Amino acid sequence: MNAIDLSAFVPTDTAILEILAPGGVTSTGWNITFAGPSHPKVIAFNEAKTRENLRRQRQIESAQANNRKYKPEDREVDDVRRENVAWVVARIIDWTPVKLGAGDPIAFNDDAAFKLLLNPDFAWVLSQMVDFITDERSFTKGSAKTSDASPSATSNSD
């Protein structure tokens, strides 16, 4: 019996998303390099979130074991938005520097990305990023998205 080679389906380390202008047709020229699911930056973020979830679960179980009510923490809409932006920023490795009007170019760093993506004026950018990250095809070798309705992307292994 012949062995089946699954290496073509292993996610790439990185993939590039070209941000499209609102409406999804015109290129902005802004390219963002994202870390694939097995990239060390993504693994570190996921492990931190898992530790946080395990801590919360231990608190719930401890309260139940001691016949106490567990009072979940109050979360605001802004808290959830910040968590979502942090998740996206944890996937970004680099981007083409961008400018906002006459200001200086903004090179990628986590803080600059967090600040930019929290700005409601750039919700259209955040939306494209989330769509890209959550589409398993974005990080699969040889299956870059090519639809007119979706952001263009190229994948590569580093």
N, C-alpha and C. Protein backbone atom coordinates (compact mmCIF):
# COMPACT_ATOMS: atom_id res chain seq x y z
N MET A 1 0.84 -1.17 0.00
CA MET A 1 0.00 0.00 0.00
C MET A 1 0.90 1.25 0.00
N ASN A 2 0.56 2.22 -0.84
CA ASN A 2 1.35 3.45 -0.93
C ASN A 2 0.96 4.42 0.17
N ALA A 3 1.96 5.10 0.70
CA ALA A 3 1.72 6.12 1.73
C ALA A 3 1.21 7.39 1.07
N ILE A 4 0.35 8.07 1.75
CA ILE A 4 -0.20 9.33 1.25
C ILE A 4 0.62 10.48 1.81
N ASP A 5 1.06 11.37 0.95
CA ASP A 5 1.86 12.52 1.36
C ASP A 5 0.94 13.68 1.72
N LEU A 6 0.93 14.06 2.99
CA LEU A 6 0.09 15.15 3.47
C LEU A 6 0.84 16.49 3.55
N SER A 7 2.10 16.51 3.12
CA SER A 7 2.90 17.72 3.28
C SER A 7 2.32 18.92 2.52
N ALA A 8 1.59 18.69 1.46
CA ALA A 8 0.99 19.80 0.72
C ALA A 8 -0.12 20.49 1.50
N PHE A 9 -0.57 19.85 2.58
CA PHE A 9 -1.68 20.40 3.36
C PHE A 9 -1.22 21.01 4.68
N VAL A 10 0.08 20.96 4.94
CA VAL A 10 0.62 21.56 6.15
C VAL A 10 0.59 23.08 5.98
N PRO A 11 0.07 23.81 6.96
CA PRO A 11 -0.01 25.27 6.82
C PRO A 11 1.37 25.90 6.64
N THR A 12 1.42 26.96 5.88
CA THR A 12 2.66 27.70 5.68
C THR A 12 2.98 28.52 6.93
N ASP A 13 4.23 28.91 7.07
CA ASP A 13 4.65 29.71 8.22
C ASP A 13 4.11 31.13 8.14
N THR A 14 3.99 31.64 6.91
CA THR A 14 3.50 33.00 6.72
C THR A 14 2.62 33.07 5.48
N ALA A 15 1.81 34.11 5.42
CA ALA A 15 1.01 34.40 4.24
C ALA A 15 0.81 35.91 4.18
N ILE A 16 0.67 36.43 2.98
CA ILE A 16 0.55 37.87 2.79
C ILE A 16 -0.85 38.22 2.30
N LEU A 17 -1.42 39.21 2.97
CA LEU A 17 -2.73 39.74 2.59
C LEU A 17 -2.53 41.13 2.01
N GLU A 18 -3.09 41.38 0.85
CA GLU A 18 -3.10 42.72 0.29
C GLU A 18 -4.44 43.35 0.66
N ILE A 19 -4.40 44.43 1.41
CA ILE A 19 -5.62 45.10 1.83
C ILE A 19 -6.25 45.80 0.64
N LEU A 20 -7.53 45.58 0.47
CA LEU A 20 -8.29 46.23 -0.59
C LEU A 20 -9.07 47.40 -0.02
N ALA A 21 -9.27 48.42 -0.85
CA ALA A 21 -10.06 49.57 -0.44
C ALA A 21 -11.48 49.12 -0.12
N PRO A 22 -12.20 49.88 0.70
CA PRO A 22 -13.60 49.50 0.98
C PRO A 22 -14.34 49.22 -0.32
N GLY A 23 -15.09 48.16 -0.35
CA GLY A 23 -15.76 47.72 -1.57
C GLY A 23 -15.09 46.48 -2.13
N GLY A 24 -13.82 46.24 -1.74
CA GLY A 24 -13.13 45.00 -2.08
C GLY A 24 -12.68 44.85 -3.50
N VAL A 25 -12.46 45.95 -4.24
CA VAL A 25 -12.05 45.82 -5.63
C VAL A 25 -10.68 46.46 -5.87
N THR A 26 -10.47 47.64 -5.34
CA THR A 26 -9.26 48.41 -5.61
C THR A 26 -8.17 48.12 -4.60
N SER A 27 -6.97 47.85 -5.09
CA SER A 27 -5.83 47.58 -4.21
C SER A 27 -5.39 48.87 -3.52
N THR A 28 -5.00 48.75 -2.27
CA THR A 28 -4.43 49.88 -1.55
C THR A 28 -2.91 49.87 -1.63
N GLY A 29 -2.34 48.73 -2.00
CA GLY A 29 -0.89 48.57 -2.01
C GLY A 29 -0.34 48.21 -0.63
N TRP A 30 -1.21 48.07 0.35
CA TRP A 30 -0.80 47.75 1.71
C TRP A 30 -0.77 46.24 1.87
N ASN A 31 0.42 45.69 2.04
CA ASN A 31 0.58 44.25 2.22
C ASN A 31 0.91 43.96 3.67
N ILE A 32 0.24 42.96 4.22
CA ILE A 32 0.43 42.57 5.61
C ILE A 32 0.85 41.11 5.64
N THR A 33 1.95 40.83 6.31
CA THR A 33 2.44 39.46 6.44
C THR A 33 1.92 38.90 7.76
N PHE A 34 1.21 37.80 7.65
CA PHE A 34 0.63 37.14 8.82
C PHE A 34 1.38 35.86 9.14
N ALA A 35 1.45 35.56 10.42
CA ALA A 35 2.03 34.32 10.90
C ALA A 35 1.02 33.20 10.74
N GLY A 36 1.49 32.07 10.28
CA GLY A 36 0.64 30.89 10.16
C GLY A 36 0.37 30.29 11.53
N PRO A 37 -0.53 29.30 11.58
CA PRO A 37 -0.95 28.73 12.86
C PRO A 37 0.17 28.09 13.68
N SER A 38 1.26 27.67 13.05
CA SER A 38 2.34 27.03 13.81
C SER A 38 3.52 27.97 14.04
N HIS A 39 3.36 29.25 13.73
CA HIS A 39 4.42 30.23 13.95
C HIS A 39 4.60 30.46 15.46
N PRO A 40 5.83 30.63 15.94
CA PRO A 40 6.07 30.83 17.38
C PRO A 40 5.27 31.98 18.00
N LYS A 41 5.05 33.07 17.26
CA LYS A 41 4.29 34.20 17.80
C LYS A 41 2.84 33.78 18.06
N VAL A 42 2.27 33.02 17.17
CA VAL A 42 0.89 32.56 17.31
C VAL A 42 0.79 31.53 18.44
N ILE A 43 1.76 30.62 18.50
CA ILE A 43 1.75 29.61 19.55
C ILE A 43 1.84 30.27 20.92
N ALA A 44 2.70 31.27 21.07
CA ALA A 44 2.84 31.97 22.36
C ALA A 44 1.53 32.64 22.75
N PHE A 45 0.87 33.30 21.81
CA PHE A 45 -0.40 33.96 22.11
C PHE A 45 -1.45 32.93 22.51
N ASN A 46 -1.55 31.86 21.74
CA ASN A 46 -2.55 30.82 22.04
C ASN A 46 -2.31 30.17 23.39
N GLU A 47 -1.04 29.94 23.73
CA GLU A 47 -0.74 29.34 25.04
C GLU A 47 -1.12 30.29 26.17
N ALA A 48 -0.88 31.59 26.00
CA ALA A 48 -1.25 32.56 27.03
C ALA A 48 -2.77 32.58 27.21
N LYS A 49 -3.52 32.54 26.12
CA LYS A 49 -4.99 32.52 26.20
C LYS A 49 -5.47 31.22 26.85
N THR A 50 -4.83 30.12 26.53
CA THR A 50 -5.21 28.84 27.13
C THR A 50 -4.96 28.86 28.64
N ARG A 51 -3.80 29.40 29.06
CA ARG A 51 -3.53 29.51 30.50
C ARG A 51 -4.60 30.37 31.18
N GLU A 52 -4.99 31.46 30.54
CA GLU A 52 -6.03 32.33 31.10
C GLU A 52 -7.35 31.58 31.22
N ASN A 53 -7.72 30.83 30.21
CA ASN A 53 -8.97 30.06 30.25
C ASN A 53 -8.92 28.95 31.30
N LEU A 54 -7.76 28.31 31.45
CA LEU A 54 -7.62 27.27 32.48
C LEU A 54 -7.73 27.87 33.87
N ARG A 55 -7.14 29.04 34.09
CA ARG A 55 -7.25 29.73 35.38
C ARG A 55 -8.71 30.03 35.70
N ARG A 56 -9.44 30.54 34.71
CA ARG A 56 -10.86 30.85 34.90
C ARG A 56 -11.64 29.58 35.21
N GLN A 57 -11.34 28.50 34.51
CA GLN A 57 -12.03 27.22 34.75
C GLN A 57 -11.74 26.70 36.16
N ARG A 58 -10.50 26.86 36.62
CA ARG A 58 -10.17 26.43 37.99
C ARG A 58 -10.95 27.23 39.02
N GLN A 59 -11.13 28.53 38.77
CA GLN A 59 -11.91 29.37 39.68
C GLN A 59 -13.36 28.89 39.75
N ILE A 60 -13.93 28.56 38.61
CA ILE A 60 -15.31 28.07 38.56
C ILE A 60 -15.42 26.75 39.32
N GLU A 61 -14.50 25.83 39.04
CA GLU A 61 -14.54 24.53 39.70
C GLU A 61 -14.33 24.65 41.20
N SER A 62 -13.45 25.55 41.61
CA SER A 62 -13.21 25.75 43.04
C SER A 62 -14.46 26.29 43.73
N ALA A 63 -15.11 27.23 43.10
CA ALA A 63 -16.35 27.79 43.67
C ALA A 63 -17.41 26.70 43.80
N GLN A 64 -17.55 25.87 42.76
CA GLN A 64 -18.55 24.80 42.79
C GLN A 64 -18.22 23.78 43.88
N ALA A 65 -16.94 23.43 44.02
CA ALA A 65 -16.53 22.44 45.01
C ALA A 65 -16.77 22.94 46.43
N ASN A 66 -16.71 24.25 46.61
CA ASN A 66 -16.90 24.84 47.94
C ASN A 66 -18.31 25.40 48.13
N ASN A 67 -19.24 24.98 47.27
CA ASN A 67 -20.64 25.41 47.33
C ASN A 67 -20.79 26.94 47.35
N ARG A 68 -19.96 27.59 46.56
CA ARG A 68 -20.08 29.04 46.43
C ARG A 68 -20.55 29.35 45.02
N LYS A 69 -21.20 30.50 44.88
CA LYS A 69 -21.58 30.94 43.55
C LYS A 69 -20.37 31.55 42.88
N TYR A 70 -20.23 31.23 41.62
CA TYR A 70 -19.16 31.85 40.83
C TYR A 70 -19.75 33.06 40.13
N LYS A 71 -19.15 34.20 40.37
CA LYS A 71 -19.61 35.43 39.72
C LYS A 71 -18.66 35.73 38.55
N PRO A 72 -19.16 35.56 37.33
CA PRO A 72 -18.29 35.84 36.19
C PRO A 72 -17.92 37.32 36.14
N GLU A 73 -16.74 37.58 35.59
CA GLU A 73 -16.30 38.96 35.48
C GLU A 73 -17.18 39.70 34.49
N ASP A 74 -17.42 40.97 34.80
CA ASP A 74 -18.19 41.80 33.88
C ASP A 74 -17.30 42.20 32.72
N ARG A 75 -17.80 41.99 31.53
CA ARG A 75 -17.05 42.36 30.33
C ARG A 75 -17.82 43.40 29.56
N GLU A 76 -17.12 44.39 29.13
CA GLU A 76 -17.70 45.46 28.34
C GLU A 76 -17.43 45.20 26.87
N VAL A 77 -18.20 45.83 26.02
CA VAL A 77 -18.02 45.70 24.57
C VAL A 77 -16.60 46.08 24.18
N ASP A 78 -16.08 47.14 24.79
CA ASP A 78 -14.73 47.60 24.46
C ASP A 78 -13.69 46.54 24.84
N ASP A 79 -13.92 45.81 25.92
CA ASP A 79 -12.99 44.75 26.33
C ASP A 79 -12.93 43.65 25.27
N VAL A 80 -14.08 43.27 24.77
CA VAL A 80 -14.14 42.22 23.75
C VAL A 80 -13.47 42.70 22.47
N ARG A 81 -13.71 43.95 22.10
CA ARG A 81 -13.07 44.50 20.90
C ARG A 81 -11.55 44.50 21.06
N ARG A 82 -11.06 44.88 22.23
CA ARG A 82 -9.61 44.88 22.48
C ARG A 82 -9.04 43.46 22.39
N GLU A 83 -9.76 42.48 22.91
CA GLU A 83 -9.31 41.09 22.82
C GLU A 83 -9.24 40.64 21.37
N ASN A 84 -10.25 41.00 20.58
CA ASN A 84 -10.27 40.62 19.16
C ASN A 84 -9.11 41.27 18.41
N VAL A 85 -8.85 42.54 18.68
CA VAL A 85 -7.74 43.23 18.02
C VAL A 85 -6.41 42.60 18.46
N ALA A 86 -6.28 42.28 19.74
CA ALA A 86 -5.05 41.64 20.22
C ALA A 86 -4.82 40.31 19.52
N TRP A 87 -5.89 39.56 19.27
CA TRP A 87 -5.77 38.28 18.56
C TRP A 87 -5.25 38.51 17.14
N VAL A 88 -5.75 39.52 16.45
CA VAL A 88 -5.29 39.81 15.09
C VAL A 88 -3.83 40.28 15.12
N VAL A 89 -3.51 41.19 16.02
CA VAL A 89 -2.15 41.72 16.11
C VAL A 89 -1.16 40.58 16.41
N ALA A 90 -1.57 39.60 17.18
CA ALA A 90 -0.71 38.46 17.50
C ALA A 90 -0.36 37.66 16.26
N ARG A 91 -1.11 37.82 15.20
CA ARG A 91 -0.86 37.09 13.96
C ARG A 91 -0.03 37.89 12.96
N ILE A 92 0.12 39.20 13.17
CA ILE A 92 0.85 40.04 12.22
C ILE A 92 2.35 39.96 12.49
N ILE A 93 3.11 39.76 11.43
CA ILE A 93 4.57 39.76 11.53
C ILE A 93 5.14 41.09 11.03
N ASP A 94 4.58 41.60 9.94
CA ASP A 94 5.10 42.83 9.35
C ASP A 94 4.05 43.41 8.41
N TRP A 95 4.24 44.67 8.02
CA TRP A 95 3.40 45.27 7.00
C TRP A 95 4.16 46.33 6.26
N THR A 96 3.66 46.67 5.07
CA THR A 96 4.18 47.79 4.31
C THR A 96 3.87 49.05 5.11
N PRO A 97 4.86 49.92 5.36
CA PRO A 97 4.55 51.14 6.11
C PRO A 97 3.40 51.91 5.47
N VAL A 98 2.55 52.49 6.31
CA VAL A 98 1.39 53.25 5.84
C VAL A 98 1.44 54.65 6.42
N LYS A 99 0.73 55.55 5.77
CA LYS A 99 0.63 56.93 6.26
C LYS A 99 -0.83 57.27 6.47
N LEU A 100 -1.07 58.12 7.44
CA LEU A 100 -2.41 58.66 7.68
C LEU A 100 -2.31 60.16 7.42
N GLY A 101 -2.68 60.57 6.23
CA GLY A 101 -2.59 61.99 5.88
C GLY A 101 -1.14 62.42 5.78
N ALA A 102 -0.83 63.57 6.37
CA ALA A 102 0.51 64.14 6.27
C ALA A 102 1.46 63.61 7.33
N GLY A 103 1.01 62.68 8.15
CA GLY A 103 1.84 62.15 9.23
C GLY A 103 3.00 61.31 8.72
N ASP A 104 3.86 60.93 9.63
CA ASP A 104 4.98 60.07 9.31
C ASP A 104 4.49 58.66 8.99
N PRO A 105 5.24 57.93 8.17
CA PRO A 105 4.87 56.54 7.89
C PRO A 105 4.83 55.73 9.18
N ILE A 106 3.89 54.80 9.24
CA ILE A 106 3.74 53.93 10.41
C ILE A 106 4.30 52.56 10.03
N ALA A 107 5.46 52.26 10.59
CA ALA A 107 6.05 50.93 10.40
C ALA A 107 5.34 49.98 11.37
N PHE A 108 5.39 48.69 11.05
CA PHE A 108 4.72 47.74 11.93
C PHE A 108 5.45 47.58 13.24
N ASN A 109 4.68 47.61 14.30
CA ASN A 109 5.04 47.07 15.61
C ASN A 109 3.70 46.78 16.27
N ASP A 110 3.71 45.94 17.29
CA ASP A 110 2.45 45.51 17.91
C ASP A 110 1.64 46.69 18.42
N ASP A 111 2.30 47.66 19.05
CA ASP A 111 1.57 48.81 19.61
C ASP A 111 0.90 49.64 18.52
N ALA A 112 1.65 49.91 17.43
CA ALA A 112 1.09 50.70 16.33
C ALA A 112 -0.08 49.98 15.69
N ALA A 113 0.05 48.67 15.52
CA ALA A 113 -1.03 47.88 14.93
C ALA A 113 -2.26 47.89 15.83
N PHE A 114 -2.05 47.72 17.11
CA PHE A 114 -3.16 47.70 18.07
C PHE A 114 -3.91 49.03 18.02
N LYS A 115 -3.18 50.12 18.05
CA LYS A 115 -3.79 51.45 18.03
C LYS A 115 -4.56 51.69 16.72
N LEU A 116 -3.96 51.33 15.60
CA LEU A 116 -4.61 51.54 14.31
C LEU A 116 -5.88 50.70 14.19
N LEU A 117 -5.81 49.44 14.59
CA LEU A 117 -6.95 48.54 14.42
C LEU A 117 -8.07 48.77 15.43
N LEU A 118 -7.76 49.44 16.53
CA LEU A 118 -8.82 49.82 17.47
C LEU A 118 -9.63 51.01 16.97
N ASN A 119 -9.07 51.75 16.05
CA ASN A 119 -9.72 52.93 15.50
C ASN A 119 -10.92 52.48 14.65
N PRO A 120 -12.14 52.90 15.01
CA PRO A 120 -13.32 52.48 14.26
C PRO A 120 -13.27 52.85 12.77
N ASP A 121 -12.49 53.87 12.41
CA ASP A 121 -12.35 54.26 11.01
C ASP A 121 -11.69 53.17 10.17
N PHE A 122 -11.00 52.24 10.84
CA PHE A 122 -10.32 51.17 10.12
C PHE A 122 -10.95 49.80 10.36
N ALA A 123 -12.22 49.80 10.68
CA ALA A 123 -12.95 48.54 10.85
C ALA A 123 -12.94 47.72 9.56
N TRP A 124 -12.94 48.38 8.42
CA TRP A 124 -12.90 47.69 7.13
C TRP A 124 -11.59 46.91 6.96
N VAL A 125 -10.50 47.42 7.52
CA VAL A 125 -9.21 46.73 7.47
C VAL A 125 -9.25 45.53 8.41
N LEU A 126 -9.72 45.76 9.62
CA LEU A 126 -9.82 44.68 10.60
C LEU A 126 -10.67 43.54 10.06
N SER A 127 -11.75 43.88 9.41
CA SER A 127 -12.65 42.86 8.85
C SER A 127 -11.92 41.99 7.81
N GLN A 128 -11.16 42.63 6.93
CA GLN A 128 -10.40 41.86 5.93
C GLN A 128 -9.38 40.95 6.59
N MET A 129 -8.74 41.46 7.64
CA MET A 129 -7.74 40.67 8.35
C MET A 129 -8.36 39.45 9.01
N VAL A 130 -9.48 39.64 9.69
CA VAL A 130 -10.17 38.53 10.35
C VAL A 130 -10.60 37.49 9.32
N ASP A 131 -11.17 37.95 8.21
CA ASP A 131 -11.59 37.02 7.15
C ASP A 131 -10.40 36.20 6.65
N PHE A 132 -9.27 36.86 6.47
CA PHE A 132 -8.07 36.19 5.96
C PHE A 132 -7.56 35.15 6.96
N ILE A 133 -7.44 35.56 8.22
CA ILE A 133 -6.89 34.67 9.25
C ILE A 133 -7.77 33.45 9.46
N THR A 134 -9.08 33.64 9.41
CA THR A 134 -9.99 32.54 9.70
C THR A 134 -10.25 31.63 8.50
N ASP A 135 -9.77 32.01 7.32
CA ASP A 135 -9.92 31.17 6.14
C ASP A 135 -8.73 30.22 6.06
N GLU A 136 -8.96 28.94 6.29
CA GLU A 136 -7.87 27.96 6.32
C GLU A 136 -7.08 27.94 5.02
N ARG A 137 -7.69 28.37 3.93
CA ARG A 137 -6.98 28.38 2.65
C ARG A 137 -5.86 29.42 2.62
N SER A 138 -5.94 30.42 3.47
CA SER A 138 -4.93 31.48 3.48
C SER A 138 -3.54 30.95 3.79
N PHE A 139 -3.46 29.89 4.58
CA PHE A 139 -2.16 29.37 5.00
C PHE A 139 -1.90 27.97 4.47
N THR A 140 -2.61 27.59 3.42
CA THR A 140 -2.41 26.28 2.80
C THR A 140 -1.61 26.48 1.53
N LYS A 141 -0.56 25.72 1.38
CA LYS A 141 0.31 25.84 0.21
C LYS A 141 -0.48 25.70 -1.08
N GLY A 142 -0.23 26.59 -2.00
CA GLY A 142 -0.80 26.47 -3.34
C GLY A 142 -2.28 26.73 -3.44
N SER A 143 -2.90 27.33 -2.43
CA SER A 143 -4.33 27.58 -2.53
C SER A 143 -4.67 29.00 -2.11
N ALA A 144 -3.92 29.95 -2.63
CA ALA A 144 -4.20 31.35 -2.31
C ALA A 144 -5.57 31.72 -2.85
N LYS A 145 -6.23 32.64 -2.14
CA LYS A 145 -7.56 33.08 -2.56
C LYS A 145 -7.44 33.90 -3.84
N THR A 146 -8.38 33.70 -4.77
CA THR A 146 -8.33 34.45 -6.02
C THR A 146 -9.68 35.05 -6.40
N SER A 147 -10.63 35.00 -5.52
CA SER A 147 -11.96 35.53 -5.82
C SER A 147 -11.95 37.05 -5.85
N ASP A 148 -12.74 37.66 -6.72
CA ASP A 148 -12.86 39.11 -6.78
C ASP A 148 -13.49 39.66 -5.50
N ALA A 149 -14.31 38.86 -4.85
CA ALA A 149 -15.03 39.32 -3.67
C ALA A 149 -14.21 39.21 -2.39
N SER A 150 -13.06 38.52 -2.47
CA SER A 150 -12.25 38.35 -1.27
C SER A 150 -10.88 38.96 -1.46
N PRO A 151 -10.21 39.30 -0.35
CA PRO A 151 -8.89 39.91 -0.44
C PRO A 151 -7.92 38.99 -1.18
N SER A 152 -7.03 39.60 -1.95
CA SER A 152 -6.03 38.79 -2.64
C SER A 152 -4.99 38.37 -1.64
N ALA A 153 -4.39 37.22 -1.88
CA ALA A 153 -3.41 36.73 -0.94
C ALA A 153 -2.40 35.85 -1.66
N THR A 154 -1.24 35.81 -1.11
CA THR A 154 -0.23 34.89 -1.57
C THR A 154 0.34 34.20 -0.36
N SER A 155 0.73 32.96 -0.51
CA SER A 155 1.29 32.21 0.61
C SER A 155 2.71 31.86 0.29
N ASN A 156 3.54 31.77 1.34
CA ASN A 156 4.89 31.29 1.15
C ASN A 156 5.37 30.68 2.44
N SER A 157 6.34 29.80 2.33
CA SER A 157 6.95 29.20 3.52
C SER A 157 8.24 29.91 3.80
N ASP A 158 8.45 30.25 5.06
CA ASP A 158 9.72 30.86 5.45
C ASP A 158 10.50 29.91 6.31
